[in-house]
Amino acid sequence: MNNLLLFIFRYSAFLLFVLLEMVALFFIVRYNEDQHAIFLNSSSVFSGKMYKMADNAYKYGHLKVVADSLAHENAKLKTDLFNMERTFQHYSVAEKPIDSCILEPYKIISASVINNSINQRNNHFTIDRGSRDGIRNGMGVISPHGIAGIVDEVGDQYSTAISVLHSAARISASIKRNNFFGSLVWKEINPAYMILEAIPRQADILVGDTIITSGYSFIYPRGIFIGTVNRFWTEGGSNYYSIEVKLQEDISRLDRVYVVDYKEAQPVDQ
């Protein structure tokens, strides 16, 4: 208390000046229409900016919640899309009732990449989903713009996947325009490109052709966009093309991904 009284006594002149200034300002604003209007306008602008800043801070704090919600909705839409294509395929040839597991073989699980590498010979990434979320070894991982990898280690809450930029990754892929298919591999040169192998020389290939997943494995559904043909060539007297594919997805920027749960899948070598 003594310190407070000492402070007031020491700065009494200044405190009195501030008080009188506030009183004078009040009377000027209260009884002068022009100043009153200016004050209201200024306070409105100030409060508006403060409200805007508070709103932006609130929205920023909820961006992850919104992103998670959107990813979950996208996963449901992808599930419906993949299952719809399978339903059309089976109904076109079905002669008797079809089991629901055949009509709805896919479930898509949204996840976030929390660790990633692209500059190794064998690259991996980690996702924030594990066995408690339904993740199993061998599941394919896709991204908003293409393919990402294959799950190879599963924990309770987290899982690790081999990236498509891995020497052991072999993805069954096809040329959309003519359905010729082969194995898509990474040659450890450039993370933006992969090589499609085993395409016979009689195949009609054009630069810019679309490359998609073939559906001839249990890893990925058919028709997922992978990238486009950048160039192609033959090695010596080979009867097969090597096709350089420009990936649509930038693997170095993986963030939101989707894990493909294929109910009919059995352990296979991709």
C-alpha atoms as a PDB file:
ATOM      1  CA  MET A   1       0.000   0.000   0.000  1.00  0.00           C
ATOM      2  CA  ASN A   2       2.830   2.373   0.856  1.00  0.00           C
ATOM      3  CA  ASN A   3       4.376   1.776  -2.556  1.00  0.00           C
ATOM      4  CA  LEU A   4       1.055   2.556  -4.257  1.00  0.00           C
ATOM      5  CA  LEU A   5       0.648   5.792  -2.325  1.00  0.00           C
ATOM      6  CA  LEU A   6       4.242   6.715  -3.067  1.00  0.00           C
ATOM      7  CA  PHE A   7       3.662   6.053  -6.791  1.00  0.00           C
ATOM      8  CA  ILE A   8       0.507   8.228  -6.831  1.00  0.00           C
ATOM      9  CA  PHE A   9       2.252  11.021  -4.965  1.00  0.00           C
ATOM     10  CA  ARG A  10       5.306  10.919  -7.237  1.00  0.00           C
ATOM     11  CA  TYR A  11       3.269  11.003 -10.452  1.00  0.00           C
ATOM     12  CA  SER A  12       0.280  12.972  -9.205  1.00  0.00           C
ATOM     13  CA  ALA A  13       0.791  15.851 -11.631  1.00  0.00           C
ATOM     14  CA  PHE A  14       0.975  13.531 -14.621  1.00  0.00           C
ATOM     15  CA  LEU A  15      -2.013  11.463 -13.493  1.00  0.00           C
ATOM     16  CA  LEU A  16      -4.058  14.620 -12.962  1.00  0.00           C
ATOM     17  CA  PHE A  17      -3.098  15.808 -16.440  1.00  0.00           C
ATOM     18  CA  VAL A  18      -4.212  12.507 -18.010  1.00  0.00           C
ATOM     19  CA  LEU A  19      -7.497  12.603 -16.089  1.00  0.00           C
ATOM     20  CA  LEU A  20      -8.236  16.161 -17.200  1.00  0.00           C
ATOM     21  CA  GLU A  21      -7.392  15.281 -20.804  1.00  0.00           C
ATOM     22  CA  MET A  22      -9.842  12.390 -20.699  1.00  0.00           C
ATOM     23  CA  VAL A  23     -12.561  14.588 -19.211  1.00  0.00           C
ATOM     24  CA  ALA A  24     -11.944  17.258 -21.853  1.00  0.00           C
ATOM     25  CA  LEU A  25     -12.026  14.670 -24.615  1.00  0.00           C
ATOM     26  CA  PHE A  26     -15.301  13.299 -23.253  1.00  0.00           C
ATOM     27  CA  PHE A  27     -16.988  16.712 -23.261  1.00  0.00           C
ATOM     28  CA  ILE A  28     -15.673  17.536 -26.756  1.00  0.00           C
ATOM     29  CA  VAL A  29     -16.983  14.293 -28.209  1.00  0.00           C
ATOM     30  CA  ARG A  30     -20.209  14.358 -26.198  1.00  0.00           C
ATOM     31  CA  TYR A  31     -21.322  17.896 -27.004  1.00  0.00           C
ATOM     32  CA  ASN A  32     -19.772  18.568 -30.417  1.00  0.00           C
ATOM     33  CA  GLU A  33     -21.543  16.882 -33.330  1.00  0.00           C
ATOM     34  CA  ASP A  34     -18.582  16.932 -35.728  1.00  0.00           C
ATOM     35  CA  GLN A  35     -16.122  15.475 -33.225  1.00  0.00           C
ATOM     36  CA  HIS A  36     -18.765  13.020 -32.071  1.00  0.00           C
ATOM     37  CA  ALA A  37     -19.212  11.714 -35.628  1.00  0.00           C
ATOM     38  CA  ILE A  38     -15.451  11.498 -36.153  1.00  0.00           C
ATOM     39  CA  PHE A  39     -15.038   9.577 -32.904  1.00  0.00           C
ATOM     40  CA  LEU A  40     -17.801   7.120 -33.748  1.00  0.00           C
ATOM     41  CA  ASN A  41     -16.358   6.529 -37.203  1.00  0.00           C
ATOM     42  CA  SER A  42     -12.827   6.023 -35.866  1.00  0.00           C
ATOM     43  CA  SER A  43     -13.961   3.716 -33.082  1.00  0.00           C
ATOM     44  CA  SER A  44     -16.035   1.759 -35.585  1.00  0.00           C
ATOM     45  CA  VAL A  45     -13.017   1.291 -37.856  1.00  0.00           C
ATOM     46  CA  PHE A  46     -10.814   0.303 -34.928  1.00  0.00           C
ATOM     47  CA  SER A  47     -13.314  -2.145 -33.458  1.00  0.00           C
ATOM     48  CA  GLY A  48     -13.961  -3.559 -36.931  1.00  0.00           C
ATOM     49  CA  LYS A  49     -10.267  -4.253 -37.421  1.00  0.00           C
ATOM     50  CA  MET A  50     -10.045  -5.834 -33.982  1.00  0.00           C
ATOM     51  CA  TYR A  51     -13.044  -8.051 -34.705  1.00  0.00           C
ATOM     52  CA  LYS A  52     -11.481  -9.017 -38.046  1.00  0.00           C
ATOM     53  CA  MET A  53      -8.188  -9.923 -36.391  1.00  0.00           C
ATOM     54  CA  ALA A  54      -9.990 -11.988 -33.762  1.00  0.00           C
ATOM     55  CA  ASP A  55     -12.041 -13.732 -36.437  1.00  0.00           C
ATOM     56  CA  ASN A  56      -8.929 -14.507 -38.501  1.00  0.00           C
ATOM     57  CA  ALA A  57      -7.187 -15.904 -35.426  1.00  0.00           C
ATOM     58  CA  TYR A  58     -10.219 -18.075 -34.659  1.00  0.00           C
ATOM     59  CA  LYS A  59     -10.421 -19.371 -38.222  1.00  0.00           C
ATOM     60  CA  TYR A  60      -6.676 -20.066 -38.331  1.00  0.00           C
ATOM     61  CA  GLY A  61      -6.970 -22.067 -35.144  1.00  0.00           C
ATOM     62  CA  HIS A  62      -9.719 -24.153 -36.716  1.00  0.00           C
ATOM     63  CA  LEU A  63      -8.041 -24.740 -40.095  1.00  0.00           C
ATOM     64  CA  LYS A  64      -6.897 -28.223 -39.088  1.00  0.00           C
ATOM     65  CA  VAL A  65     -10.409 -29.127 -37.951  1.00  0.00           C
ATOM     66  CA  VAL A  66     -11.819 -27.941 -41.282  1.00  0.00           C
ATOM     67  CA  ALA A  67      -9.073 -29.713 -43.254  1.00  0.00           C
ATOM     68  CA  ASP A  68      -9.680 -32.965 -41.351  1.00  0.00           C
ATOM     69  CA  SER A  69     -13.400 -32.707 -42.022  1.00  0.00           C
ATOM     70  CA  LEU A  70     -12.836 -32.105 -45.745  1.00  0.00           C
ATOM     71  CA  ALA A  71     -10.376 -35.004 -45.950  1.00  0.00           C
ATOM     72  CA  HIS A  72     -12.932 -37.285 -44.295  1.00  0.00           C
ATOM     73  CA  GLU A  73     -15.619 -36.199 -46.761  1.00  0.00           C
ATOM     74  CA  ASN A  74     -13.220 -36.718 -49.681  1.00  0.00           C
ATOM     75  CA  ALA A  75     -12.477 -40.220 -48.404  1.00  0.00           C
ATOM     76  CA  LYS A  76     -16.192 -41.048 -48.415  1.00  0.00           C
ATOM     77  CA  LEU A  77     -16.585 -39.644 -51.928  1.00  0.00           C
ATOM     78  CA  LYS A  78     -13.606 -41.658 -53.195  1.00  0.00           C
ATOM     79  CA  THR A  79     -15.069 -44.779 -51.582  1.00  0.00           C
ATOM     80  CA  ASP A  80     -18.363 -44.216 -53.398  1.00  0.00           C
ATOM     81  CA  LEU A  81     -16.583 -43.487 -56.680  1.00  0.00           C
ATOM     82  CA  PHE A  82     -14.401 -46.613 -56.667  1.00  0.00           C
ATOM     83  CA  ASN A  83     -17.289 -48.831 -55.569  1.00  0.00           C
ATOM     84  CA  MET A  84     -19.619 -47.346 -58.190  1.00  0.00           C
ATOM     85  CA  GLU A  85     -17.237 -48.307 -61.000  1.00  0.00           C
ATOM     86  CA  ARG A  86     -16.975 -51.846 -59.621  1.00  0.00           C
ATOM     87  CA  THR A  87     -20.796 -52.062 -59.379  1.00  0.00           C
ATOM     88  CA  PHE A  88     -21.231 -51.071 -63.036  1.00  0.00           C
ATOM     89  CA  GLN A  89     -18.640 -53.655 -64.107  1.00  0.00           C
ATOM     90  CA  HIS A  90     -20.354 -56.521 -62.286  1.00  0.00           C
ATOM     91  CA  TYR A  91     -23.957 -55.639 -63.090  1.00  0.00           C
ATOM     92  CA  SER A  92     -23.125 -55.523 -66.793  1.00  0.00           C
ATOM     93  CA  VAL A  93     -22.256 -59.251 -66.748  1.00  0.00           C
ATOM     94  CA  ALA A  94     -24.138 -60.538 -63.690  1.00  0.00           C
ATOM     95  CA  GLU A  95     -26.725 -63.289 -64.077  1.00  0.00           C
ATOM     96  CA  LYS A  96     -27.515 -63.718 -60.378  1.00  0.00           C
ATOM     97  CA  PRO A  97     -27.541 -61.583 -57.191  1.00  0.00           C
ATOM     98  CA  ILE A  98     -24.133 -60.204 -56.279  1.00  0.00           C
ATOM     99  CA  ASP A  99     -22.639 -60.201 -52.792  1.00  0.00           C
ATOM    100  CA  SER A 100     -22.333 -56.713 -51.261  1.00  0.00           C
ATOM    101  CA  CYS A 101     -18.626 -57.302 -50.557  1.00  0.00           C
ATOM    102  CA  ILE A 102     -18.098 -57.607 -54.304  1.00  0.00           C
ATOM    103  CA  LEU A 103     -20.149 -54.509 -55.084  1.00  0.00           C
ATOM    104  CA  GLU A 104     -18.479 -52.458 -52.334  1.00  0.00           C
ATOM    105  CA  PRO A 105     -14.938 -53.820 -52.058  1.00  0.00           C
ATOM    106  CA  TYR A 106     -13.264 -50.490 -51.298  1.00  0.00           C
ATOM    107  CA  LYS A 107     -13.059 -48.331 -48.209  1.00  0.00           C
ATOM    108  CA  ILE A 108     -10.903 -45.198 -48.286  1.00  0.00           C
ATOM    109  CA  ILE A 109      -9.247 -43.978 -45.075  1.00  0.00           C
ATOM    110  CA  SER A 110      -7.983 -40.391 -44.875  1.00  0.00           C
ATOM    111  CA  ALA A 111      -4.582 -39.716 -43.297  1.00  0.00           C
ATOM    112  CA  SER A 112      -1.892 -37.058 -42.959  1.00  0.00           C
ATOM    113  CA  VAL A 113       1.777 -37.464 -43.835  1.00  0.00           C
ATOM    114  CA  ILE A 114       3.917 -36.543 -40.828  1.00  0.00           C
ATOM    115  CA  ASN A 115       7.325 -37.522 -42.210  1.00  0.00           C
ATOM    116  CA  ASN A 116       8.597 -37.961 -45.761  1.00  0.00           C
ATOM    117  CA  SER A 117      11.811 -38.476 -47.742  1.00  0.00           C
ATOM    118  CA  ILE A 118      12.610 -38.206 -51.458  1.00  0.00           C
ATOM    119  CA  ASN A 119      16.406 -38.093 -51.667  1.00  0.00           C
ATOM    120  CA  GLN A 120      17.234 -41.678 -50.723  1.00  0.00           C
ATOM    121  CA  ARG A 121      17.478 -44.814 -52.836  1.00  0.00           C
ATOM    122  CA  ASN A 122      14.591 -46.280 -50.852  1.00  0.00           C
ATOM    123  CA  ASN A 123      12.226 -43.569 -49.672  1.00  0.00           C
ATOM    124  CA  HIS A 124       9.471 -43.887 -47.074  1.00  0.00           C
ATOM    125  CA  PHE A 125       6.821 -41.711 -45.480  1.00  0.00           C
ATOM    126  CA  THR A 126       4.875 -41.951 -42.223  1.00  0.00           C
ATOM    127  CA  ILE A 127       1.125 -41.413 -41.787  1.00  0.00           C
ATOM    128  CA  ASP A 128      -0.911 -40.684 -38.659  1.00  0.00           C
ATOM    129  CA  ARG A 129      -3.104 -43.775 -38.969  1.00  0.00           C
ATOM    130  CA  GLY A 130      -2.495 -47.276 -37.655  1.00  0.00           C
ATOM    131  CA  SER A 131      -4.103 -50.623 -36.945  1.00  0.00           C
ATOM    132  CA  ARG A 132      -6.755 -49.070 -34.729  1.00  0.00           C
ATOM    133  CA  ASP A 133      -7.899 -47.095 -37.791  1.00  0.00           C
ATOM    134  CA  GLY A 134      -8.080 -50.196 -39.979  1.00  0.00           C
ATOM    135  CA  ILE A 135      -4.669 -49.861 -41.660  1.00  0.00           C
ATOM    136  CA  ARG A 136      -3.002 -53.096 -42.749  1.00  0.00           C
ATOM    137  CA  ASN A 137       0.259 -54.001 -44.395  1.00  0.00           C
ATOM    138  CA  GLY A 138       0.120 -53.902 -48.212  1.00  0.00           C
ATOM    139  CA  MET A 139      -2.570 -51.239 -48.574  1.00  0.00           C
ATOM    140  CA  GLY A 140      -2.098 -48.702 -51.349  1.00  0.00           C
ATOM    141  CA  VAL A 141      -1.769 -45.005 -50.525  1.00  0.00           C
ATOM    142  CA  ILE A 142      -3.074 -42.405 -52.955  1.00  0.00           C
ATOM    143  CA  SER A 143      -2.903 -38.621 -52.919  1.00  0.00           C
ATOM    144  CA  PRO A 144      -5.237 -35.901 -54.215  1.00  0.00           C
ATOM    145  CA  HIS A 145      -3.327 -35.927 -57.532  1.00  0.00           C
ATOM    146  CA  GLY A 146      -2.080 -39.482 -57.993  1.00  0.00           C
ATOM    147  CA  ILE A 147      -0.393 -42.393 -56.231  1.00  0.00           C
ATOM    148  CA  ALA A 148       1.918 -42.115 -53.234  1.00  0.00           C
ATOM    149  CA  GLY A 149       3.064 -45.503 -51.963  1.00  0.00           C
ATOM    150  CA  ILE A 150       2.271 -48.812 -50.247  1.00  0.00           C
ATOM    151  CA  VAL A 151       1.939 -49.444 -46.501  1.00  0.00           C
ATOM    152  CA  ASP A 152       4.682 -51.765 -45.238  1.00  0.00           C
ATOM    153  CA  GLU A 153       4.828 -51.293 -41.455  1.00  0.00           C
ATOM    154  CA  VAL A 154       1.791 -50.798 -39.216  1.00  0.00           C
ATOM    155  CA  GLY A 155       1.714 -49.642 -35.605  1.00  0.00           C
ATOM    156  CA  ASP A 156      -1.240 -48.954 -33.352  1.00  0.00           C
ATOM    157  CA  GLN A 157      -1.452 -45.228 -34.185  1.00  0.00           C
ATOM    158  CA  TYR A 158       1.062 -44.700 -37.001  1.00  0.00           C
ATOM    159  CA  SER A 159       2.165 -46.518 -40.139  1.00  0.00           C
ATOM    160  CA  THR A 160       5.091 -46.352 -42.541  1.00  0.00           C
ATOM    161  CA  ALA A 161       4.737 -46.734 -46.298  1.00  0.00           C
ATOM    162  CA  ILE A 162       7.290 -47.267 -49.015  1.00  0.00           C
ATOM    163  CA  SER A 163       7.096 -44.331 -51.382  1.00  0.00           C
ATOM    164  CA  VAL A 164       6.644 -44.810 -55.115  1.00  0.00           C
ATOM    165  CA  LEU A 165      10.183 -43.385 -55.074  1.00  0.00           C
ATOM    166  CA  HIS A 166      11.545 -46.708 -53.800  1.00  0.00           C
ATOM    167  CA  SER A 167      13.655 -49.275 -55.622  1.00  0.00           C
ATOM    168  CA  ALA A 168      11.236 -52.072 -54.637  1.00  0.00           C
ATOM    169  CA  ALA A 169       8.067 -50.285 -55.769  1.00  0.00           C
ATOM    170  CA  ARG A 170       6.531 -51.741 -58.928  1.00  0.00           C
ATOM    171  CA  ILE A 171       3.154 -50.274 -59.831  1.00  0.00           C
ATOM    172  CA  SER A 172       0.904 -51.901 -62.417  1.00  0.00           C
ATOM    173  CA  ALA A 173       0.062 -49.026 -64.778  1.00  0.00           C
ATOM    174  CA  SER A 174      -1.448 -48.648 -68.233  1.00  0.00           C
ATOM    175  CA  ILE A 175      -1.764 -46.168 -71.078  1.00  0.00           C
ATOM    176  CA  LYS A 176      -5.329 -44.897 -70.834  1.00  0.00           C
ATOM    177  CA  ARG A 177      -5.772 -44.389 -74.582  1.00  0.00           C
ATOM    178  CA  ASN A 178      -5.015 -47.983 -75.636  1.00  0.00           C
ATOM    179  CA  ASN A 179      -4.862 -50.062 -72.402  1.00  0.00           C
ATOM    180  CA  PHE A 180      -1.297 -51.338 -72.925  1.00  0.00           C
ATOM    181  CA  PHE A 181       0.069 -51.969 -69.433  1.00  0.00           C
ATOM    182  CA  GLY A 182       3.387 -52.576 -67.734  1.00  0.00           C
ATOM    183  CA  SER A 183       5.300 -51.926 -64.509  1.00  0.00           C
ATOM    184  CA  LEU A 184       6.000 -48.414 -63.283  1.00  0.00           C
ATOM    185  CA  VAL A 185       9.341 -48.180 -61.457  1.00  0.00           C
ATOM    186  CA  TRP A 186      11.650 -45.488 -60.111  1.00  0.00           C
ATOM    187  CA  LYS A 187      15.205 -45.308 -61.443  1.00  0.00           C
ATOM    188  CA  GLU A 188      16.514 -43.180 -58.556  1.00  0.00           C
ATOM    189  CA  ILE A 189      17.263 -40.214 -60.798  1.00  0.00           C
ATOM    190  CA  ASN A 190      14.566 -37.569 -60.502  1.00  0.00           C
ATOM    191  CA  PRO A 191      11.693 -37.636 -57.958  1.00  0.00           C
ATOM    192  CA  ALA A 192       9.371 -36.058 -60.527  1.00  0.00           C
ATOM    193  CA  TYR A 193       9.643 -38.958 -63.003  1.00  0.00           C
ATOM    194  CA  MET A 194       9.145 -42.730 -63.083  1.00  0.00           C
ATOM    195  CA  ILE A 195       9.705 -45.272 -65.862  1.00  0.00           C
ATOM    196  CA  LEU A 196       6.943 -47.436 -67.328  1.00  0.00           C
ATOM    197  CA  GLU A 197       8.515 -50.696 -68.521  1.00  0.00           C
ATOM    198  CA  ALA A 198       7.428 -53.746 -70.549  1.00  0.00           C
ATOM    199  CA  ILE A 199       5.256 -51.865 -73.055  1.00  0.00           C
ATOM    200  CA  PRO A 200       5.616 -53.736 -76.406  1.00  0.00           C
ATOM    201  CA  ARG A 201       6.957 -51.872 -79.437  1.00  0.00           C
ATOM    202  CA  GLN A 202       3.701 -52.337 -81.348  1.00  0.00           C
ATOM    203  CA  ALA A 203       1.957 -50.091 -78.837  1.00  0.00           C
ATOM    204  CA  ASP A 204       0.924 -46.686 -80.171  1.00  0.00           C
ATOM    205  CA  ILE A 205       2.489 -44.158 -77.808  1.00  0.00           C
ATOM    206  CA  LEU A 206       2.335 -40.376 -77.912  1.00  0.00           C
ATOM    207  CA  VAL A 207       4.042 -37.774 -75.759  1.00  0.00           C
ATOM    208  CA  GLY A 208       1.365 -36.482 -73.413  1.00  0.00           C
ATOM    209  CA  ASP A 209      -0.528 -39.789 -73.186  1.00  0.00           C
ATOM    210  CA  THR A 210      -2.253 -40.284 -69.830  1.00  0.00           C
ATOM    211  CA  ILE A 211      -0.921 -43.026 -67.540  1.00  0.00           C
ATOM    212  CA  ILE A 212      -3.317 -44.576 -65.000  1.00  0.00           C
ATOM    213  CA  THR A 213      -3.362 -47.483 -62.574  1.00  0.00           C
ATOM    214  CA  SER A 214      -4.296 -50.653 -64.460  1.00  0.00           C
ATOM    215  CA  GLY A 215      -6.331 -52.315 -61.725  1.00  0.00           C
ATOM    216  CA  TYR A 216      -4.426 -55.580 -62.300  1.00  0.00           C
ATOM    217  CA  SER A 217      -3.289 -55.777 -58.678  1.00  0.00           C
ATOM    218  CA  PHE A 218      -4.805 -55.621 -55.212  1.00  0.00           C
ATOM    219  CA  ILE A 219      -3.022 -52.368 -54.413  1.00  0.00           C
ATOM    220  CA  TYR A 220      -4.854 -49.662 -56.375  1.00  0.00           C
ATOM    221  CA  PRO A 221      -8.250 -49.448 -58.088  1.00  0.00           C
ATOM    222  CA  ARG A 222      -8.232 -49.025 -61.845  1.00  0.00           C
ATOM    223  CA  GLY A 223      -8.150 -45.563 -63.354  1.00  0.00           C
ATOM    224  CA  ILE A 224      -6.225 -43.472 -60.820  1.00  0.00           C
ATOM    225  CA  PHE A 225      -4.352 -40.755 -62.692  1.00  0.00           C
ATOM    226  CA  ILE A 226      -0.581 -41.155 -62.313  1.00  0.00           C
ATOM    227  CA  GLY A 227       0.941 -38.775 -64.848  1.00  0.00           C
ATOM    228  CA  THR A 228       1.719 -38.242 -68.526  1.00  0.00           C
ATOM    229  CA  VAL A 229       4.248 -39.578 -71.035  1.00  0.00           C
ATOM    230  CA  ASN A 230       7.248 -37.258 -71.205  1.00  0.00           C
ATOM    231  CA  ARG A 231       9.387 -39.298 -73.653  1.00  0.00           C
ATOM    232  CA  PHE A 232       9.957 -42.917 -74.675  1.00  0.00           C
ATOM    233  CA  TRP A 233      12.676 -45.067 -76.255  1.00  0.00           C
ATOM    234  CA  THR A 234      13.899 -48.638 -76.794  1.00  0.00           C
ATOM    235  CA  GLU A 235      17.129 -50.099 -75.423  1.00  0.00           C
ATOM    236  CA  GLY A 236      19.260 -51.656 -78.198  1.00  0.00           C
ATOM    237  CA  GLY A 237      17.361 -54.503 -79.842  1.00  0.00           C
ATOM    238  CA  SER A 238      14.693 -54.667 -77.142  1.00  0.00           C
ATOM    239  CA  ASN A 239      11.101 -55.361 -78.144  1.00  0.00           C
ATOM    240  CA  TYR A 240       9.802 -53.162 -75.345  1.00  0.00           C
ATOM    241  CA  TYR A 241       9.614 -49.436 -74.740  1.00  0.00           C
ATOM    242  CA  SER A 242      10.921 -47.581 -71.726  1.00  0.00           C
ATOM    243  CA  ILE A 243       8.531 -44.700 -71.092  1.00  0.00           C
ATOM    244  CA  GLU A 244       9.408 -41.738 -68.915  1.00  0.00           C
ATOM    245  CA  VAL A 245       6.307 -40.648 -66.992  1.00  0.00           C
ATOM    246  CA  LYS A 246       5.990 -37.176 -65.466  1.00  0.00           C
ATOM    247  CA  LEU A 247       4.215 -37.690 -62.156  1.00  0.00           C
ATOM    248  CA  GLN A 248       1.167 -35.551 -61.525  1.00  0.00           C
ATOM    249  CA  GLU A 249       1.794 -35.612 -57.777  1.00  0.00           C
ATOM    250  CA  ASP A 250       4.769 -33.790 -56.273  1.00  0.00           C
ATOM    251  CA  ILE A 251       5.889 -36.481 -53.835  1.00  0.00           C
ATOM    252  CA  SER A 252       8.041 -34.000 -51.911  1.00  0.00           C
ATOM    253  CA  ARG A 253       4.897 -32.106 -50.879  1.00  0.00           C
ATOM    254  CA  LEU A 254       2.726 -34.990 -49.686  1.00  0.00           C
ATOM    255  CA  ASP A 255       0.310 -33.856 -46.993  1.00  0.00           C
ATOM    256  CA  ARG A 256      -3.202 -35.307 -47.094  1.00  0.00           C
ATOM    257  CA  VAL A 257      -3.339 -38.857 -48.422  1.00  0.00           C
ATOM    258  CA  TYR A 258      -5.864 -41.693 -48.634  1.00  0.00           C
ATOM    259  CA  VAL A 259      -5.273 -45.356 -47.796  1.00  0.00           C
ATOM    260  CA  VAL A 260      -7.095 -47.906 -49.969  1.00  0.00           C
ATOM    261  CA  ASP A 261      -8.687 -50.752 -48.016  1.00  0.00           C
ATOM    262  CA  TYR A 262      -9.506 -53.417 -50.620  1.00  0.00           C
ATOM    263  CA  LYS A 263     -11.605 -56.156 -48.992  1.00  0.00           C
ATOM    264  CA  GLU A 264     -10.740 -58.752 -51.634  1.00  0.00           C
ATOM    265  CA  ALA A 265      -6.996 -58.225 -51.271  1.00  0.00           C
ATOM    266  CA  GLN A 266      -4.711 -61.087 -50.344  1.00  0.00           C
ATOM    267  CA  PRO A 267      -0.990 -60.789 -49.571  1.00  0.00           C
ATOM    268  CA  VAL A 268       0.728 -60.399 -52.937  1.00  0.00           C
ATOM    269  CA  ASP A 269       3.962 -59.023 -54.313  1.00  0.00           C
ATOM    270  CA  GLN A 270       3.268 -55.781 -56.168  1.00  0.00           C
END
